[in-house]
Amino acid sequence: MEEVKKEMFLNVELQGKHRNRRTGSGGMLLGKVEKIGDALKGKIDLKEGDRIATLVSLSLTPLRIDEILAIRPDVDQVDIKGKAILFESGIYAKIPTDMPEKLALSALDVAGAPAQTAKLCQYGQTVVILGAGGKSGMLCCYEAKKRVGVTGKVIGIANSPKSTQRIKDLGFCDIVESAAGMTPVQVYEMVERLTNGKMADVTINCVNVPDQEMTAVLCTKDDGIVYFFSMATSFTKASLGAEGIGSDVNMIMGNGYTKGHAEFTLQELRESPELRKIFEELYA
């Protein structure tokens, strides 16, 4: 853990923000509003003392870390003493009163994924979700099944036996498969078999490790949609890889924001007791 602390302090010291120098991502924060600029007082739905989650990446947020209190690698959260600046254009969400703060934070961290899934998936479609047993993957599976309905099909592909069993138990997917390592050819052959060669109308990549671009592209039919939510995605690998195999897919690079995404995602936890329970067990 000491190495993690050193890396966090160094990132902020060098850049004035918490930007991972390898992935470019930064996460988000939960904190108390200390001061509101005079020009904004009375014009926004916040007051000093409110608890909020910033929905702007910490890779963009001016930050100072005074002390690191605790590191919880199992839920990807760190407790610190420090201060940050949220600009007027910065988006945020008030912490709801009907769920624990850390539960809300865990869902809001990936709120863009299920909200974008709702926009992309339509009734009757076949949807493949890579990384289905992870935090964003579970939310996307739930939302995809709502959208494709009884005539559609949601195929969840997870990396580890533990995450595979987790998404099976939730029951959001029509089919759940495990693909250790998620190699492109392995997953392509799996999806080809499961769809009788038709492939996916929409593929959603929630696997937050590099080199998953071609896996997602190969799963998807021509004129289909690939949504890369993972911040580990390389635009070069995705675009040139699709060109290299003659794949005419429409690729959407993950945007962590879509209108109403915070309330949308929190509502999923309210709608689904099963989803909320697993999030509480894993992240709260």
C-alpha atoms as a PDB file:
ATOM      1  CA  MET A   1       0.000   0.000   0.000  1.00  0.00           C
ATOM      2  CA  GLU A   2       2.939   2.341   0.596  1.00  0.00           C
ATOM      3  CA  GLU A   3       3.799   2.212  -3.092  1.00  0.00           C
ATOM      4  CA  VAL A   4       0.224   3.159  -3.967  1.00  0.00           C
ATOM      5  CA  LYS A   5       0.405   6.135  -1.607  1.00  0.00           C
ATOM      6  CA  LYS A   6       3.702   7.283  -3.122  1.00  0.00           C
ATOM      7  CA  GLU A   7       2.263   7.031  -6.630  1.00  0.00           C
ATOM      8  CA  MET A   8      -0.852   9.012  -5.703  1.00  0.00           C
ATOM      9  CA  PHE A   9       1.122  11.765  -4.008  1.00  0.00           C
ATOM     10  CA  LEU A  10       3.522  11.905  -6.969  1.00  0.00           C
ATOM     11  CA  ASN A  11       0.713  12.097  -9.523  1.00  0.00           C
ATOM     12  CA  VAL A  12      -0.871  15.054  -7.731  1.00  0.00           C
ATOM     13  CA  GLU A  13       2.458  16.755  -7.063  1.00  0.00           C
ATOM     14  CA  LEU A  14       3.496  16.568 -10.712  1.00  0.00           C
ATOM     15  CA  GLN A  15       0.155  17.364 -12.299  1.00  0.00           C
ATOM     16  CA  GLY A  16      -1.975  19.158  -9.725  1.00  0.00           C
ATOM     17  CA  LYS A  17      -4.651  16.518 -10.204  1.00  0.00           C
ATOM     18  CA  HIS A  18      -5.082  12.764  -9.806  1.00  0.00           C
ATOM     19  CA  ARG A  19      -4.344  11.561 -13.308  1.00  0.00           C
ATOM     20  CA  ASN A  20      -2.971   8.053 -13.740  1.00  0.00           C
ATOM     21  CA  ARG A  21       0.094   8.584 -15.885  1.00  0.00           C
ATOM     22  CA  ARG A  22      -0.287   5.173 -17.523  1.00  0.00           C
ATOM     23  CA  THR A  23      -4.002   5.095 -18.342  1.00  0.00           C
ATOM     24  CA  GLY A  24      -4.865   8.815 -18.328  1.00  0.00           C
ATOM     25  CA  SER A  25      -7.909   8.167 -16.131  1.00  0.00           C
ATOM     26  CA  GLY A  26      -8.518   9.524 -12.656  1.00  0.00           C
ATOM     27  CA  GLY A  27     -11.710   8.371 -10.982  1.00  0.00           C
ATOM     28  CA  MET A  28     -14.007  10.719  -9.066  1.00  0.00           C
ATOM     29  CA  LEU A  29     -14.440  12.026  -5.547  1.00  0.00           C
ATOM     30  CA  LEU A  30     -16.978  12.350  -2.772  1.00  0.00           C
ATOM     31  CA  GLY A  31     -16.754  15.268  -0.390  1.00  0.00           C
ATOM     32  CA  LYS A  32     -18.329  18.212   1.415  1.00  0.00           C
ATOM     33  CA  VAL A  33     -18.812  21.610  -0.206  1.00  0.00           C
ATOM     34  CA  GLU A  34     -16.619  24.023   1.740  1.00  0.00           C
ATOM     35  CA  LYS A  35     -17.234  27.188  -0.250  1.00  0.00           C
ATOM     36  CA  ILE A  36     -19.311  28.350  -3.216  1.00  0.00           C
ATOM     37  CA  GLY A  37     -18.052  31.206  -5.353  1.00  0.00           C
ATOM     38  CA  ASP A  38     -19.901  34.498  -4.896  1.00  0.00           C
ATOM     39  CA  ALA A  39     -21.019  34.549  -8.542  1.00  0.00           C
ATOM     40  CA  LEU A  40     -22.798  31.209  -8.097  1.00  0.00           C
ATOM     41  CA  LYS A  41     -24.372  31.571  -4.678  1.00  0.00           C
ATOM     42  CA  GLY A  42     -28.132  31.228  -4.909  1.00  0.00           C
ATOM     43  CA  LYS A  43     -27.951  30.245  -8.569  1.00  0.00           C
ATOM     44  CA  ILE A  44     -27.249  26.516  -8.163  1.00  0.00           C
ATOM     45  CA  ASP A  45     -28.915  23.754  -6.140  1.00  0.00           C
ATOM     46  CA  LEU A  46     -26.050  23.545  -3.644  1.00  0.00           C
ATOM     47  CA  LYS A  47     -25.221  25.099  -0.338  1.00  0.00           C
ATOM     48  CA  GLU A  48     -22.090  24.991   1.724  1.00  0.00           C
ATOM     49  CA  GLY A  49     -21.985  21.802   3.773  1.00  0.00           C
ATOM     50  CA  ASP A  50     -23.756  19.641   1.177  1.00  0.00           C
ATOM     51  CA  ARG A  51     -22.245  16.235   0.405  1.00  0.00           C
ATOM     52  CA  ILE A  52     -21.679  15.677  -3.304  1.00  0.00           C
ATOM     53  CA  ALA A  53     -19.994  13.321  -5.718  1.00  0.00           C
ATOM     54  CA  THR A  54     -18.146  15.039  -8.529  1.00  0.00           C
ATOM     55  CA  LEU A  55     -18.946  13.528 -11.902  1.00  0.00           C
ATOM     56  CA  VAL A  56     -15.920  15.114 -13.528  1.00  0.00           C
ATOM     57  CA  SER A  57     -12.869  12.884 -13.816  1.00  0.00           C
ATOM     58  CA  LEU A  58     -10.142  13.521 -11.268  1.00  0.00           C
ATOM     59  CA  SER A  59      -7.785  13.622 -14.242  1.00  0.00           C
ATOM     60  CA  LEU A  60      -9.289  17.095 -14.862  1.00  0.00           C
ATOM     61  CA  THR A  61      -9.964  18.271 -11.291  1.00  0.00           C
ATOM     62  CA  PRO A  62      -7.493  20.525  -9.431  1.00  0.00           C
ATOM     63  CA  LEU A  63      -6.669  18.538  -6.297  1.00  0.00           C
ATOM     64  CA  ARG A  64      -4.528  18.675  -3.181  1.00  0.00           C
ATOM     65  CA  ILE A  65      -3.935  15.600  -1.008  1.00  0.00           C
ATOM     66  CA  ASP A  66      -2.921  16.387   2.568  1.00  0.00           C
ATOM     67  CA  GLU A  67      -3.142  12.876   3.974  1.00  0.00           C
ATOM     68  CA  ILE A  68      -4.121   9.408   2.767  1.00  0.00           C
ATOM     69  CA  LEU A  69      -6.191   7.776   5.497  1.00  0.00           C
ATOM     70  CA  ALA A  70      -7.064   4.393   4.000  1.00  0.00           C
ATOM     71  CA  ILE A  71      -6.716   2.438   0.770  1.00  0.00           C
ATOM     72  CA  ARG A  72      -9.350  -0.178  -0.073  1.00  0.00           C
ATOM     73  CA  PRO A  73      -8.162  -1.966  -3.232  1.00  0.00           C
ATOM     74  CA  ASP A  74     -11.070  -4.420  -3.113  1.00  0.00           C
ATOM     75  CA  VAL A  75     -13.508  -1.591  -3.916  1.00  0.00           C
ATOM     76  CA  ASP A  76     -11.121   0.818  -5.712  1.00  0.00           C
ATOM     77  CA  GLN A  77     -11.633   3.572  -3.124  1.00  0.00           C
ATOM     78  CA  VAL A  78      -9.200   5.725  -1.153  1.00  0.00           C
ATOM     79  CA  ASP A  79     -10.011   7.912   1.867  1.00  0.00           C
ATOM     80  CA  ILE A  80      -8.032  11.152   1.999  1.00  0.00           C
ATOM     81  CA  LYS A  81      -7.880  14.550   3.634  1.00  0.00           C
ATOM     82  CA  GLY A  82      -7.556  17.215   0.995  1.00  0.00           C
ATOM     83  CA  LYS A  83      -9.259  19.818  -1.142  1.00  0.00           C
ATOM     84  CA  ALA A  84     -10.427  20.048  -4.736  1.00  0.00           C
ATOM     85  CA  ILE A  85     -11.895  22.713  -7.012  1.00  0.00           C
ATOM     86  CA  LEU A  86     -15.028  22.070  -9.056  1.00  0.00           C
ATOM     87  CA  PHE A  87     -15.504  24.664 -11.762  1.00  0.00           C
ATOM     88  CA  GLU A  88     -18.844  26.159 -12.765  1.00  0.00           C
ATOM     89  CA  SER A  89     -19.061  23.811 -15.755  1.00  0.00           C
ATOM     90  CA  GLY A  90     -18.279  20.752 -13.626  1.00  0.00           C
ATOM     91  CA  ILE A  91     -21.064  18.241 -13.151  1.00  0.00           C
ATOM     92  CA  TYR A  92     -21.922  16.689  -9.797  1.00  0.00           C
ATOM     93  CA  ALA A  93     -24.597  14.744  -7.964  1.00  0.00           C
ATOM     94  CA  LYS A  94     -25.921  15.289  -4.474  1.00  0.00           C
ATOM     95  CA  ILE A  95     -25.493  12.181  -2.369  1.00  0.00           C
ATOM     96  CA  PRO A  96     -28.935  10.574  -1.995  1.00  0.00           C
ATOM     97  CA  THR A  97     -30.391  10.053   1.450  1.00  0.00           C
ATOM     98  CA  ASP A  98     -31.795   6.581   0.745  1.00  0.00           C
ATOM     99  CA  MET A  99     -28.475   4.741   0.332  1.00  0.00           C
ATOM    100  CA  PRO A 100     -24.995   4.730   1.903  1.00  0.00           C
ATOM    101  CA  GLU A 101     -22.519   7.235   0.481  1.00  0.00           C
ATOM    102  CA  LYS A 102     -20.006   4.635  -0.666  1.00  0.00           C
ATOM    103  CA  LEU A 103     -22.746   2.661  -2.400  1.00  0.00           C
ATOM    104  CA  ALA A 104     -23.797   5.763  -4.329  1.00  0.00           C
ATOM    105  CA  LEU A 105     -20.165   6.581  -5.116  1.00  0.00           C
ATOM    106  CA  SER A 106     -19.489   3.129  -6.553  1.00  0.00           C
ATOM    107  CA  ALA A 107     -22.430   3.411  -8.940  1.00  0.00           C
ATOM    108  CA  LEU A 108     -21.848   7.038  -9.896  1.00  0.00           C
ATOM    109  CA  ASP A 109     -18.243   6.225 -10.805  1.00  0.00           C
ATOM    110  CA  VAL A 110     -19.504   4.290 -13.835  1.00  0.00           C
ATOM    111  CA  ALA A 111     -22.832   6.073 -14.395  1.00  0.00           C
ATOM    112  CA  GLY A 112     -22.094   6.809 -18.046  1.00  0.00           C
ATOM    113  CA  ALA A 113     -22.064   3.126 -19.005  1.00  0.00           C
ATOM    114  CA  PRO A 114     -25.652   2.048 -18.190  1.00  0.00           C
ATOM    115  CA  ALA A 115     -27.057   5.385 -19.348  1.00  0.00           C
ATOM    116  CA  GLN A 116     -25.344   5.009 -22.726  1.00  0.00           C
ATOM    117  CA  THR A 117     -26.476   1.380 -22.866  1.00  0.00           C
ATOM    118  CA  ALA A 118     -30.081   2.541 -22.545  1.00  0.00           C
ATOM    119  CA  LYS A 119     -29.595   4.833 -25.549  1.00  0.00           C
ATOM    120  CA  LEU A 120     -27.891   2.224 -27.725  1.00  0.00           C
ATOM    121  CA  CYS A 121     -29.924  -0.958 -27.133  1.00  0.00           C
ATOM    122  CA  GLN A 122     -33.284  -1.558 -28.794  1.00  0.00           C
ATOM    123  CA  TYR A 123     -36.029  -4.131 -28.575  1.00  0.00           C
ATOM    124  CA  GLY A 124     -35.172  -7.489 -30.133  1.00  0.00           C
ATOM    125  CA  GLN A 125     -31.442  -6.904 -30.477  1.00  0.00           C
ATOM    126  CA  THR A 126     -28.579  -9.191 -29.529  1.00  0.00           C
ATOM    127  CA  VAL A 127     -26.207  -7.460 -27.121  1.00  0.00           C
ATOM    128  CA  VAL A 128     -22.805  -8.731 -26.004  1.00  0.00           C
ATOM    129  CA  ILE A 129     -21.302  -7.276 -22.833  1.00  0.00           C
ATOM    130  CA  LEU A 130     -17.611  -7.885 -22.207  1.00  0.00           C
ATOM    131  CA  GLY A 131     -16.650  -7.697 -18.550  1.00  0.00           C
ATOM    132  CA  ALA A 132     -20.236  -8.458 -17.562  1.00  0.00           C
ATOM    133  CA  GLY A 133     -19.411  -9.375 -13.964  1.00  0.00           C
ATOM    134  CA  GLY A 134     -17.684  -6.106 -13.108  1.00  0.00           C
ATOM    135  CA  LYS A 135     -19.151  -2.916 -11.692  1.00  0.00           C
ATOM    136  CA  SER A 136     -20.090  -1.223 -14.958  1.00  0.00           C
ATOM    137  CA  GLY A 137     -20.798  -4.568 -16.604  1.00  0.00           C
ATOM    138  CA  MET A 138     -23.498  -5.552 -14.109  1.00  0.00           C
ATOM    139  CA  LEU A 139     -25.288  -2.220 -14.539  1.00  0.00           C
ATOM    140  CA  CYS A 140     -25.093  -2.535 -18.326  1.00  0.00           C
ATOM    141  CA  CYS A 141     -26.463  -6.086 -18.275  1.00  0.00           C
ATOM    142  CA  TYR A 142     -29.440  -4.968 -16.214  1.00  0.00           C
ATOM    143  CA  GLU A 143     -30.176  -2.054 -18.514  1.00  0.00           C
ATOM    144  CA  ALA A 144     -29.579  -3.987 -21.743  1.00  0.00           C
ATOM    145  CA  LYS A 145     -32.079  -6.669 -20.773  1.00  0.00           C
ATOM    146  CA  LYS A 146     -34.696  -4.027 -20.008  1.00  0.00           C
ATOM    147  CA  ARG A 147     -34.207  -2.556 -23.482  1.00  0.00           C
ATOM    148  CA  VAL A 148     -33.996  -5.665 -25.674  1.00  0.00           C
ATOM    149  CA  GLY A 149     -37.019  -7.339 -24.069  1.00  0.00           C
ATOM    150  CA  VAL A 150     -38.143 -10.928 -24.355  1.00  0.00           C
ATOM    151  CA  THR A 151     -37.321 -11.205 -28.057  1.00  0.00           C
ATOM    152  CA  GLY A 152     -33.789  -9.879 -27.608  1.00  0.00           C
ATOM    153  CA  LYS A 153     -30.746 -11.593 -26.173  1.00  0.00           C
ATOM    154  CA  VAL A 154     -28.100 -10.388 -23.735  1.00  0.00           C
ATOM    155  CA  ILE A 155     -24.857 -12.358 -23.718  1.00  0.00           C
ATOM    156  CA  GLY A 156     -22.617 -11.617 -20.753  1.00  0.00           C
ATOM    157  CA  ILE A 157     -18.963 -12.610 -21.001  1.00  0.00           C
ATOM    158  CA  ALA A 158     -16.855 -12.454 -17.850  1.00  0.00           C
ATOM    159  CA  ASN A 159     -13.171 -13.029 -17.290  1.00  0.00           C
ATOM    160  CA  SER A 160     -12.912 -14.915 -13.990  1.00  0.00           C
ATOM    161  CA  PRO A 161     -14.951 -17.762 -12.482  1.00  0.00           C
ATOM    162  CA  LYS A 162     -15.966 -15.466  -9.611  1.00  0.00           C
ATOM    163  CA  SER A 163     -17.314 -12.685 -11.828  1.00  0.00           C
ATOM    164  CA  THR A 164     -18.957 -15.246 -14.117  1.00  0.00           C
ATOM    165  CA  GLN A 165     -20.877 -16.763 -11.213  1.00  0.00           C
ATOM    166  CA  ARG A 166     -21.802 -13.308  -9.956  1.00  0.00           C
ATOM    167  CA  ILE A 167     -23.532 -12.276 -13.188  1.00  0.00           C
ATOM    168  CA  LYS A 168     -25.148 -15.715 -13.514  1.00  0.00           C
ATOM    169  CA  ASP A 169     -26.645 -15.359 -10.045  1.00  0.00           C
ATOM    170  CA  LEU A 170     -28.054 -11.928 -10.873  1.00  0.00           C
ATOM    171  CA  GLY A 171     -29.999 -13.386 -13.788  1.00  0.00           C
ATOM    172  CA  PHE A 172     -29.820 -10.326 -16.047  1.00  0.00           C
ATOM    173  CA  CYS A 173     -28.289 -12.172 -19.011  1.00  0.00           C
ATOM    174  CA  ASP A 174     -29.860 -14.780 -21.250  1.00  0.00           C
ATOM    175  CA  ILE A 175     -26.452 -16.428 -21.643  1.00  0.00           C
ATOM    176  CA  VAL A 176     -23.345 -16.110 -19.471  1.00  0.00           C
ATOM    177  CA  GLU A 177     -19.951 -17.430 -20.556  1.00  0.00           C
ATOM    178  CA  SER A 178     -16.450 -17.251 -19.110  1.00  0.00           C
ATOM    179  CA  ALA A 179     -13.476 -16.330 -21.273  1.00  0.00           C
ATOM    180  CA  ALA A 180     -10.251 -16.114 -19.294  1.00  0.00           C
ATOM    181  CA  GLY A 181      -7.978 -13.546 -20.893  1.00  0.00           C
ATOM    182  CA  MET A 182     -10.686 -12.474 -23.373  1.00  0.00           C
ATOM    183  CA  THR A 183      -8.523 -13.210 -26.421  1.00  0.00           C
ATOM    184  CA  PRO A 184     -10.116 -11.921 -29.651  1.00  0.00           C
ATOM    185  CA  VAL A 185     -10.334 -15.223 -31.505  1.00  0.00           C
ATOM    186  CA  GLN A 186     -11.582 -17.110 -28.437  1.00  0.00           C
ATOM    187  CA  VAL A 187     -14.412 -14.640 -27.829  1.00  0.00           C
ATOM    188  CA  TYR A 188     -15.229 -14.310 -31.533  1.00  0.00           C
ATOM    189  CA  GLU A 189     -15.704 -18.063 -31.861  1.00  0.00           C
ATOM    190  CA  MET A 190     -17.808 -18.108 -28.703  1.00  0.00           C
ATOM    191  CA  VAL A 191     -20.137 -15.336 -29.906  1.00  0.00           C
ATOM    192  CA  GLU A 192     -20.319 -16.849 -33.390  1.00  0.00           C
ATOM    193  CA  ARG A 193     -21.522 -20.102 -31.844  1.00  0.00           C
ATOM    194  CA  LEU A 194     -23.992 -18.439 -29.490  1.00  0.00           C
ATOM    195  CA  THR A 195     -25.550 -16.286 -32.235  1.00  0.00           C
ATOM    196  CA  ASN A 196     -25.474 -18.890 -35.038  1.00  0.00           C
ATOM    197  CA  GLY A 197     -23.051 -16.684 -36.930  1.00  0.00           C
ATOM    198  CA  LYS A 198     -25.178 -13.529 -36.791  1.00  0.00           C
ATOM    199  CA  MET A 199     -22.970 -11.784 -34.200  1.00  0.00           C
ATOM    200  CA  ALA A 200     -24.016  -8.877 -31.969  1.00  0.00           C
ATOM    201  CA  ASP A 201     -26.056  -5.832 -32.898  1.00  0.00           C
ATOM    202  CA  VAL A 202     -24.403  -3.991 -30.004  1.00  0.00           C
ATOM    203  CA  THR A 203     -21.213  -4.865 -28.134  1.00  0.00           C
ATOM    204  CA  ILE A 204     -20.345  -3.052 -24.917  1.00  0.00           C
ATOM    205  CA  ASN A 205     -16.765  -3.283 -23.693  1.00  0.00           C
ATOM    206  CA  CYS A 206     -16.473  -2.849 -19.915  1.00  0.00           C
ATOM    207  CA  VAL A 207     -13.131  -4.647 -19.596  1.00  0.00           C
ATOM    208  CA  ASN A 208     -10.755  -2.128 -18.068  1.00  0.00           C
ATOM    209  CA  VAL A 209      -7.504  -3.587 -19.392  1.00  0.00           C
ATOM    210  CA  PRO A 210      -5.608  -2.834 -22.615  1.00  0.00           C
ATOM    211  CA  ASP A 211      -5.844  -4.744 -25.900  1.00  0.00           C
ATOM    212  CA  GLN A 212      -9.573  -5.529 -25.827  1.00  0.00           C
ATOM    213  CA  GLU A 213     -10.386  -3.452 -28.914  1.00  0.00           C
ATOM    214  CA  MET A 214     -10.358  -6.280 -31.460  1.00  0.00           C
ATOM    215  CA  THR A 215     -12.297  -8.578 -29.143  1.00  0.00           C
ATOM    216  CA  ALA A 216     -15.198  -6.113 -29.187  1.00  0.00           C
ATOM    217  CA  VAL A 217     -14.966  -5.435 -32.924  1.00  0.00           C
ATOM    218  CA  LEU A 218     -14.933  -9.118 -33.853  1.00  0.00           C
ATOM    219  CA  CYS A 219     -18.067  -9.777 -31.776  1.00  0.00           C
ATOM    220  CA  THR A 220     -20.074  -7.241 -33.751  1.00  0.00           C
ATOM    221  CA  LYS A 221     -21.883  -7.569 -37.080  1.00  0.00           C
ATOM    222  CA  ASP A 222     -21.356  -5.113 -39.937  1.00  0.00           C
ATOM    223  CA  ASP A 223     -23.324  -1.904 -39.283  1.00  0.00           C
ATOM    224  CA  GLY A 224     -23.501  -2.880 -35.617  1.00  0.00           C
ATOM    225  CA  ILE A 225     -22.375  -0.680 -32.721  1.00  0.00           C
ATOM    226  CA  VAL A 226     -19.349  -1.104 -30.480  1.00  0.00           C
ATOM    227  CA  TYR A 227     -19.374   0.993 -27.318  1.00  0.00           C
ATOM    228  CA  PHE A 228     -15.956   1.225 -25.667  1.00  0.00           C
ATOM    229  CA  PHE A 229     -16.636   2.306 -22.085  1.00  0.00           C
ATOM    230  CA  SER A 230     -13.208   1.266 -20.842  1.00  0.00           C
ATOM    231  CA  MET A 231     -10.694   4.091 -20.455  1.00  0.00           C
ATOM    232  CA  ALA A 232      -7.986   1.592 -21.434  1.00  0.00           C
ATOM    233  CA  THR A 233      -9.264   1.695 -25.021  1.00  0.00           C
ATOM    234  CA  SER A 234      -6.844   2.786 -27.728  1.00  0.00           C
ATOM    235  CA  PHE A 235      -8.544   4.689 -30.541  1.00  0.00           C
ATOM    236  CA  THR A 236      -5.680   3.741 -32.866  1.00  0.00           C
ATOM    237  CA  LYS A 237      -5.992   0.024 -32.148  1.00  0.00           C
ATOM    238  CA  ALA A 238      -9.776   0.099 -32.492  1.00  0.00           C
ATOM    239  CA  SER A 239      -9.965   2.080 -35.710  1.00  0.00           C
ATOM    240  CA  LEU A 240      -7.007   0.567 -37.538  1.00  0.00           C
ATOM    241  CA  GLY A 241      -7.890  -2.907 -36.293  1.00  0.00           C
ATOM    242  CA  ALA A 242     -11.437  -2.660 -37.666  1.00  0.00           C
ATOM    243  CA  GLU A 243     -10.034  -1.387 -40.953  1.00  0.00           C
ATOM    244  CA  GLY A 244      -7.523  -4.211 -41.058  1.00  0.00           C
ATOM    245  CA  ILE A 245     -10.176  -6.940 -40.902  1.00  0.00           C
ATOM    246  CA  GLY A 246     -12.709  -5.121 -43.086  1.00  0.00           C
ATOM    247  CA  SER A 247     -15.219  -4.622 -40.287  1.00  0.00           C
ATOM    248  CA  ASP A 248     -17.836  -1.926 -40.966  1.00  0.00           C
ATOM    249  CA  VAL A 249     -18.885  -1.288 -37.378  1.00  0.00           C
ATOM    250  CA  ASN A 250     -19.875   1.994 -35.769  1.00  0.00           C
ATOM    251  CA  MET A 251     -17.574   2.697 -32.848  1.00  0.00           C
ATOM    252  CA  ILE A 252     -18.423   4.940 -29.907  1.00  0.00           C
ATOM    253  CA  MET A 253     -15.623   5.913 -27.570  1.00  0.00           C
ATOM    254  CA  GLY A 254     -16.723   5.941 -23.956  1.00  0.00           C
ATOM    255  CA  ASN A 255     -18.041   9.254 -22.756  1.00  0.00           C
ATOM    256  CA  GLY A 256     -18.462   9.160 -19.004  1.00  0.00           C
ATOM    257  CA  TYR A 257     -21.290  11.652 -19.304  1.00  0.00           C
ATOM    258  CA  THR A 258     -24.739  11.538 -20.829  1.00  0.00           C
ATOM    259  CA  LYS A 259     -27.657  13.691 -19.728  1.00  0.00           C
ATOM    260  CA  GLY A 260     -29.262  12.473 -16.518  1.00  0.00           C
ATOM    261  CA  HIS A 261     -26.771   9.634 -16.088  1.00  0.00           C
ATOM    262  CA  ALA A 262     -26.335  10.046 -12.329  1.00  0.00           C
ATOM    263  CA  GLU A 263     -29.998   9.808 -11.357  1.00  0.00           C
ATOM    264  CA  PHE A 264     -30.509   7.168 -14.044  1.00  0.00           C
ATOM    265  CA  THR A 265     -27.900   4.868 -12.514  1.00  0.00           C
ATOM    266  CA  LEU A 266     -28.955   5.408  -8.914  1.00  0.00           C
ATOM    267  CA  GLN A 267     -32.495   4.518  -9.980  1.00  0.00           C
ATOM    268  CA  GLU A 268     -31.229   1.143 -11.191  1.00  0.00           C
ATOM    269  CA  LEU A 269     -30.114   0.370  -7.638  1.00  0.00           C
ATOM    270  CA  ARG A 270     -33.553   1.361  -6.386  1.00  0.00           C
ATOM    271  CA  GLU A 271     -35.369  -0.736  -9.018  1.00  0.00           C
ATOM    272  CA  SER A 272     -33.385  -3.931  -8.568  1.00  0.00           C
ATOM    273  CA  PRO A 273     -32.992  -5.371  -5.044  1.00  0.00           C
ATOM    274  CA  GLU A 274     -30.595  -7.994  -6.442  1.00  0.00           C
ATOM    275  CA  LEU A 275     -28.350  -5.366  -8.004  1.00  0.00           C
ATOM    276  CA  ARG A 276     -28.368  -3.201  -4.906  1.00  0.00           C
ATOM    277  CA  LYS A 277     -27.563  -6.168  -2.678  1.00  0.00           C
ATOM    278  CA  ILE A 278     -24.497  -7.178  -4.667  1.00  0.00           C
ATOM    279  CA  PHE A 279     -23.281  -3.560  -4.842  1.00  0.00           C
ATOM    280  CA  GLU A 280     -23.692  -3.227  -1.087  1.00  0.00           C
ATOM    281  CA  GLU A 281     -21.771  -6.454  -0.502  1.00  0.00           C
ATOM    282  CA  LEU A 282     -18.942  -5.476  -2.858  1.00  0.00           C
ATOM    283  CA  TYR A 283     -18.621  -1.718  -2.585  1.00  0.00           C
ATOM    284  CA  ALA A 284     -20.550  -0.115   0.298  1.00  0.00           C
END
